[in-house]
Amino acid sequence: MRRSAIALGAAAVVALFVLSSALFVVPQTKQALVTQFGQPIRVITAPGLHVKLPFLQDVIPFDRRLLLYKLPAVEATLGDQRRLRVDGFVMFRIVNPLLYYQSVGATEAGILARLNAVAASSLLRVLGRERLLNVLSSDRTRIMSMIRDQVNQEMKSFGVSVVDVRIRRADLPAENTKAVLQRMQSERERVASEARAEGAGAATKIRAEAERERTVLLANANAQADALRGQGEAAAIATYAQAFEQNPHFFTIWRTLEAYRQAFATGKARLLLTPKADFLHLLDHEPTPAPSPPAAAAKPAP
């Protein structure tokens, strides 16, 4: 009885071991290839629990998610003979595990080496037909689409679908950077010199125009001032003449006193005159009243 129990337990253990070797689980993020003595038997893409022959068959898992591979930097010669150092990345997915296994085996290193070679070759081929301005502008999307399509077409034979190819960085080679910076500096200096020359020319033109307008304004103002001064002097002369005609004796006295005020106001004037000079007459004698005008002769009676 005891021997039967031991035998039954041993059989159960063996059965569990065989069953564990025959069953395997494929996660949702994986797909599997079942091989027998190294030869592929079937591809399993559905997730869940699956069965294989124990001890005779092996299961090789492959990732079904989107994978990212960073391309090493390469130096490309563009269509305008500019040299550019570019590095990027490739996004791909394993869509045919059987073809993948038959092409590069079960390791990831094999497919990455092929992907690097194909992507670098396509990158150099497409960039060799493009100008630097296209690579550095929004036209880069068209260029990357061309590279992606070429890489995807060549990688189909490896069971891989290339979803996207992108340039991550695009730099000038180190030996060309200094020369490019010097050319950029020279160009900026040339533009600045042209701008300064244009500014100086514009400033000279503005100053000349302002000087011309100033001269015209001053000439017009002087002419207007001379005209107004002449009109004022003419009005003053007319006023003096009118006043003189009304009372010549008073006007003579007033003009003499005005001359005294202008001559002696500062107290520093010196006049060399004889004591009998007419100019000093009012200093010795009081002004005499003006003689009365003669009465009008009476008209004879008719």
Protein backbone atom coordinates (compact mmCIF):
# COMPACT_ATOMS: atom_id res chain seq x y z
CA MET A 1 0.00 0.00 0.00
CA ARG A 2 2.82 2.28 0.90
CA ARG A 3 4.71 1.47 -2.29
CA SER A 4 1.61 2.26 -4.33
CA ALA A 5 1.32 5.70 -2.70
CA ILE A 6 4.98 6.47 -3.42
CA ALA A 7 4.62 5.37 -7.01
CA LEU A 8 1.47 7.46 -7.42
CA GLY A 9 3.22 10.51 -5.97
CA ALA A 10 6.21 10.03 -8.24
CA ALA A 11 3.92 9.71 -11.24
CA ALA A 12 2.14 12.92 -10.25
CA VAL A 13 5.44 14.74 -9.95
CA VAL A 14 6.53 13.50 -13.36
CA ALA A 15 3.18 14.44 -14.84
CA LEU A 16 3.42 17.94 -13.40
CA PHE A 17 6.95 18.30 -14.74
CA VAL A 18 5.91 17.13 -18.19
CA LEU A 19 2.83 19.32 -18.11
CA SER A 20 4.87 22.39 -17.10
CA SER A 21 7.24 21.71 -19.98
CA ALA A 22 4.36 21.35 -22.42
CA LEU A 23 2.48 24.51 -21.41
CA PHE A 24 3.66 28.08 -21.98
CA VAL A 25 2.12 31.56 -21.86
CA VAL A 26 2.41 34.24 -24.54
CA PRO A 27 1.92 37.74 -23.02
CA GLN A 28 0.03 40.44 -24.85
CA THR A 29 3.25 42.30 -25.63
CA LYS A 30 4.91 39.23 -27.14
CA GLN A 31 4.61 36.81 -30.04
CA ALA A 32 6.30 33.42 -30.19
CA LEU A 33 7.92 31.02 -32.62
CA VAL A 34 7.84 27.31 -31.77
CA THR A 35 10.85 25.34 -33.02
CA GLN A 36 11.70 21.65 -32.98
CA PHE A 37 15.37 20.74 -33.14
CA GLY A 38 16.06 24.27 -34.42
CA GLN A 39 13.48 24.09 -37.19
CA PRO A 40 10.49 26.50 -36.99
CA ILE A 41 7.17 24.72 -36.51
CA ARG A 42 4.56 27.43 -36.06
CA VAL A 43 4.09 31.11 -35.18
CA ILE A 44 1.86 32.13 -32.28
CA THR A 45 0.59 35.72 -32.27
CA ALA A 46 -2.45 35.29 -30.02
CA PRO A 47 -1.76 35.91 -26.32
CA GLY A 48 -2.73 33.27 -23.75
CA LEU A 49 -1.90 29.71 -22.72
CA HIS A 50 -0.50 27.39 -25.41
CA VAL A 51 0.80 23.81 -25.67
CA LYS A 52 3.96 22.37 -27.23
CA LEU A 53 5.67 19.02 -27.22
CA PRO A 54 7.61 18.74 -23.98
CA PHE A 55 11.40 18.46 -24.21
CA LEU A 56 11.25 18.37 -28.02
CA GLN A 57 10.04 21.82 -28.89
CA ASP A 58 11.30 25.24 -27.79
CA VAL A 59 9.56 28.63 -27.68
CA ILE A 60 11.36 31.79 -28.88
CA PRO A 61 9.59 35.02 -27.86
CA PHE A 62 9.64 38.17 -29.99
CA ASP A 63 8.51 41.63 -28.94
CA ARG A 64 5.42 42.83 -30.79
CA ARG A 65 5.64 46.41 -29.49
CA LEU A 66 7.06 49.41 -31.32
CA LEU A 67 10.84 49.37 -30.90
CA LEU A 68 13.25 52.32 -31.03
CA TYR A 69 16.79 52.18 -32.39
CA LYS A 70 19.11 55.20 -32.29
CA LEU A 71 21.24 55.53 -35.40
CA PRO A 72 24.89 56.46 -34.92
CA ALA A 73 26.01 59.77 -36.44
CA VAL A 74 27.04 59.73 -40.10
CA GLU A 75 28.62 62.47 -42.21
CA ALA A 76 26.69 63.15 -45.41
CA THR A 77 27.56 65.25 -48.46
CA LEU A 78 24.48 67.16 -49.60
CA GLY A 79 23.44 68.01 -53.12
CA ASP A 80 24.93 71.50 -52.85
CA GLN A 81 28.27 69.99 -51.71
CA ARG A 82 27.70 70.98 -48.10
CA ARG A 83 28.81 68.47 -45.48
CA LEU A 84 26.47 67.68 -42.62
CA ARG A 85 26.78 65.38 -39.62
CA VAL A 86 23.41 63.80 -38.84
CA ASP A 87 22.15 61.25 -36.36
CA GLY A 88 18.62 59.98 -35.95
CA PHE A 89 16.43 57.09 -34.84
CA VAL A 90 14.29 54.37 -36.38
CA MET A 91 10.99 53.10 -35.02
CA PHE A 92 10.17 49.56 -36.16
CA ARG A 93 8.03 46.54 -35.32
CA ILE A 94 8.54 42.80 -35.84
CA VAL A 95 5.59 41.71 -38.00
CA ASN A 96 6.81 38.28 -39.19
CA PRO A 97 8.69 36.31 -36.50
CA LEU A 98 9.34 33.39 -38.86
CA LEU A 99 10.98 35.55 -41.52
CA TYR A 100 12.84 37.46 -38.82
CA TYR A 101 14.19 34.21 -37.33
CA GLN A 102 15.18 32.82 -40.74
CA SER A 103 16.96 36.08 -41.67
CA VAL A 104 18.92 37.10 -38.58
CA GLY A 105 18.17 34.47 -35.94
CA ALA A 106 16.65 34.99 -32.53
CA THR A 107 19.00 37.70 -31.27
CA GLU A 108 18.30 41.43 -31.50
CA ALA A 109 21.88 42.34 -32.43
CA GLY A 110 21.53 40.83 -35.90
CA ILE A 111 18.53 42.91 -36.93
CA LEU A 112 20.00 46.09 -35.46
CA ALA A 113 23.16 45.69 -37.54
CA ARG A 114 21.10 45.22 -40.73
CA LEU A 115 18.80 48.09 -39.79
CA ASN A 116 21.76 50.39 -39.16
CA ALA A 117 23.32 49.56 -42.53
CA VAL A 118 20.09 49.99 -44.48
CA ALA A 119 19.08 53.22 -42.71
CA ALA A 120 22.54 54.80 -43.06
CA SER A 121 22.70 53.90 -46.75
CA SER A 122 19.25 55.34 -47.44
CA LEU A 123 20.05 58.43 -45.39
CA LEU A 124 23.20 59.17 -47.38
CA ARG A 125 21.49 58.41 -50.70
CA VAL A 126 18.52 60.73 -50.13
CA LEU A 127 20.49 63.55 -48.50
CA GLY A 128 22.95 63.46 -51.40
CA ARG A 129 20.17 64.86 -53.62
CA GLU A 130 18.97 67.58 -51.25
CA ARG A 131 20.21 71.08 -50.45
CA LEU A 132 21.12 72.26 -46.95
CA LEU A 133 18.18 74.66 -46.89
CA ASN A 134 15.75 71.79 -47.49
CA VAL A 135 17.22 69.71 -44.66
CA LEU A 136 17.01 72.60 -42.18
CA SER A 137 13.50 73.73 -43.17
CA SER A 138 9.99 72.28 -43.01
CA ASP A 139 10.82 70.33 -46.18
CA ARG A 140 12.60 67.85 -43.89
CA THR A 141 9.27 65.99 -43.44
CA ARG A 142 9.24 65.07 -47.14
CA ILE A 143 12.88 63.96 -46.98
CA MET A 144 12.29 61.75 -43.94
CA SER A 145 9.23 60.18 -45.58
CA MET A 146 11.37 59.19 -48.56
CA ILE A 147 14.01 57.68 -46.27
CA ARG A 148 11.37 55.82 -44.26
CA ASP A 149 9.76 54.32 -47.37
CA GLN A 150 13.12 53.13 -48.71
CA VAL A 151 14.17 51.60 -45.38
CA ASN A 152 10.79 49.95 -44.90
CA GLN A 153 10.90 48.44 -48.39
CA GLU A 154 14.34 46.91 -47.80
CA MET A 155 13.55 45.67 -44.27
CA LYS A 156 10.39 43.79 -45.32
CA SER A 157 12.56 40.84 -46.30
CA PHE A 158 13.66 40.61 -42.65
CA GLY A 159 10.12 40.44 -41.25
CA VAL A 160 10.32 44.02 -39.93
CA SER A 161 8.03 46.97 -40.61
CA VAL A 162 9.66 50.40 -40.30
CA VAL A 163 7.15 52.89 -38.93
CA ASP A 164 9.24 56.06 -38.88
CA VAL A 165 12.74 57.42 -39.47
CA ARG A 166 13.72 60.80 -38.03
CA ILE A 167 16.81 63.01 -37.95
CA ARG A 168 17.52 63.84 -34.35
CA ARG A 169 20.38 66.29 -34.89
CA ALA A 170 21.99 67.91 -37.92
CA ASP A 171 25.31 69.66 -37.28
CA LEU A 172 28.16 70.91 -39.40
CA PRO A 173 31.43 68.99 -39.09
CA ALA A 174 33.80 70.43 -36.50
CA GLU A 175 36.38 71.48 -39.09
CA ASN A 176 33.75 73.43 -41.04
CA THR A 177 32.06 75.13 -38.10
CA LYS A 178 34.73 77.80 -37.68
CA ALA A 179 34.77 78.65 -41.38
CA VAL A 180 30.98 78.83 -41.48
CA LEU A 181 30.91 81.06 -38.41
CA GLN A 182 33.51 83.34 -39.99
CA ARG A 183 31.46 83.55 -43.19
CA MET A 184 28.35 84.30 -41.17
CA GLN A 185 30.22 87.00 -39.24
CA SER A 186 31.56 88.52 -42.46
CA GLU A 187 28.08 88.49 -43.96
CA ARG A 188 26.60 90.13 -40.88
CA GLU A 189 29.37 92.76 -40.91
CA ARG A 190 28.71 93.43 -44.60
CA VAL A 191 24.98 93.84 -43.95
CA ALA A 192 25.74 96.11 -40.98
CA SER A 193 28.11 98.23 -43.10
CA GLU A 194 25.48 98.57 -45.80
CA ALA A 195 22.89 99.53 -43.20
CA ARG A 196 25.25 102.11 -41.66
CA ALA A 197 26.08 103.53 -45.10
CA GLU A 198 22.40 103.76 -45.99
CA GLY A 199 21.72 105.39 -42.61
CA ALA A 200 24.55 107.90 -43.09
CA GLY A 201 23.28 108.74 -46.58
CA ALA A 202 19.74 109.16 -45.29
CA ALA A 203 21.00 111.30 -42.39
CA THR A 204 22.99 113.54 -44.78
CA LYS A 205 19.97 113.91 -47.02
CA ILE A 206 17.73 114.75 -44.06
CA ARG A 207 20.24 117.30 -42.71
CA ALA A 208 20.61 118.90 -46.14
CA GLU A 209 16.84 119.10 -46.53
CA ALA A 210 16.49 120.55 -43.02
CA GLU A 211 19.24 123.10 -43.72
CA ARG A 212 17.56 124.09 -46.95
CA GLU A 213 14.21 124.51 -45.23
CA ARG A 214 15.94 126.49 -42.44
CA THR A 215 17.56 128.81 -44.97
CA VAL A 216 14.26 129.31 -46.78
CA LEU A 217 12.42 129.95 -43.51
CA LEU A 218 15.04 132.44 -42.32
CA ALA A 219 15.04 134.22 -45.67
CA ASN A 220 11.24 134.45 -45.66
CA ALA A 221 11.25 135.60 -42.03
CA ASN A 222 13.90 138.25 -42.69
CA ALA A 223 12.04 139.44 -45.76
CA GLN A 224 8.80 139.62 -43.81
CA ALA A 225 10.58 141.40 -40.91
CA ASP A 226 12.12 143.92 -43.31
CA ALA A 227 8.75 144.52 -44.89
CA LEU A 228 7.08 144.98 -41.49
CA ARG A 229 9.95 147.20 -40.31
CA GLY A 230 9.61 149.33 -43.43
CA GLN A 231 5.87 149.58 -42.90
CA GLY A 232 6.44 150.57 -39.27
CA GLU A 233 9.01 153.17 -40.18
CA ALA A 234 6.75 154.54 -42.87
CA ALA A 235 3.89 154.72 -40.37
CA ALA A 236 6.19 156.44 -37.83
CA ILE A 237 7.35 158.97 -40.41
CA ALA A 238 3.76 159.62 -41.40
CA THR A 239 2.83 160.10 -37.73
CA TYR A 240 5.77 162.45 -37.18
CA ALA A 241 4.88 164.40 -40.28
CA GLN A 242 1.28 164.67 -39.21
CA ALA A 243 2.30 165.82 -35.73
CA PHE A 244 4.76 168.32 -37.19
CA GLU A 245 2.10 169.75 -39.43
CA GLN A 246 -0.29 170.20 -36.48
CA ASN A 247 2.24 172.13 -34.28
CA PRO A 248 5.72 172.50 -35.70
CA HIS A 249 6.97 174.59 -32.71
CA PHE A 250 5.94 171.94 -30.14
CA PHE A 251 7.33 169.17 -32.30
CA THR A 252 10.68 170.96 -32.49
CA ILE A 253 10.80 171.32 -28.70
CA TRP A 254 9.83 167.63 -28.17
CA ARG A 255 12.44 166.40 -30.63
CA THR A 256 15.10 168.50 -28.88
CA LEU A 257 14.15 167.09 -25.45
CA GLU A 258 14.16 163.57 -26.88
CA ALA A 259 17.65 164.20 -28.21
CA TYR A 260 18.71 165.40 -24.71
CA ARG A 261 17.34 162.18 -23.17
CA GLN A 262 19.15 159.94 -25.61
CA ALA A 263 22.41 161.91 -25.34
CA PHE A 264 22.59 162.42 -21.59
CA ALA A 265 20.70 159.38 -20.22
CA THR A 266 23.83 157.32 -19.45
CA GLY A 267 25.79 160.28 -18.02
CA LYS A 268 28.87 159.24 -20.00
CA ALA A 269 28.27 161.13 -23.24
CA ARG A 270 30.69 163.89 -24.24
CA LEU A 271 29.69 166.62 -26.70
CA LEU A 272 32.04 169.24 -28.07
CA LEU A 273 29.77 172.23 -28.72
CA THR A 274 30.02 175.99 -28.44
CA PRO A 275 27.92 177.64 -25.72
CA LYS A 276 25.88 179.34 -28.41
CA ALA A 277 24.98 176.12 -30.21
CA ASP A 278 21.30 175.74 -31.09
CA PHE A 279 21.30 172.22 -29.60
CA LEU A 280 21.82 173.71 -26.10
CA HIS A 281 19.27 176.52 -26.51
CA LEU A 282 16.62 174.86 -24.30
CA LEU A 283 19.13 174.39 -21.47
CA ASP A 284 19.52 178.16 -21.11
CA HIS A 285 16.08 179.43 -22.09
CA GLU A 286 12.56 178.24 -21.37
CA PRO A 287 10.56 177.11 -24.34
CA THR A 288 8.53 179.95 -25.79
CA PRO A 289 4.94 179.30 -26.68
CA ALA A 290 4.09 178.87 -30.28
CA PRO A 291 2.92 182.03 -32.02
CA SER A 292 -0.80 182.21 -32.60
CA PRO A 293 -1.79 181.68 -36.19
CA PRO A 294 -2.94 184.88 -37.92
CA ALA A 295 -6.66 185.51 -37.87
CA ALA A 296 -8.40 184.91 -41.08
CA ALA A 297 -9.15 188.11 -42.98
CA ALA A 298 -12.73 189.13 -42.87
CA LYS A 299 -14.47 188.89 -46.13
CA PRO A 300 -15.88 192.25 -47.44
CA ALA A 301 -19.59 192.55 -47.30
CA PRO A 302 -21.19 192.16 -50.62
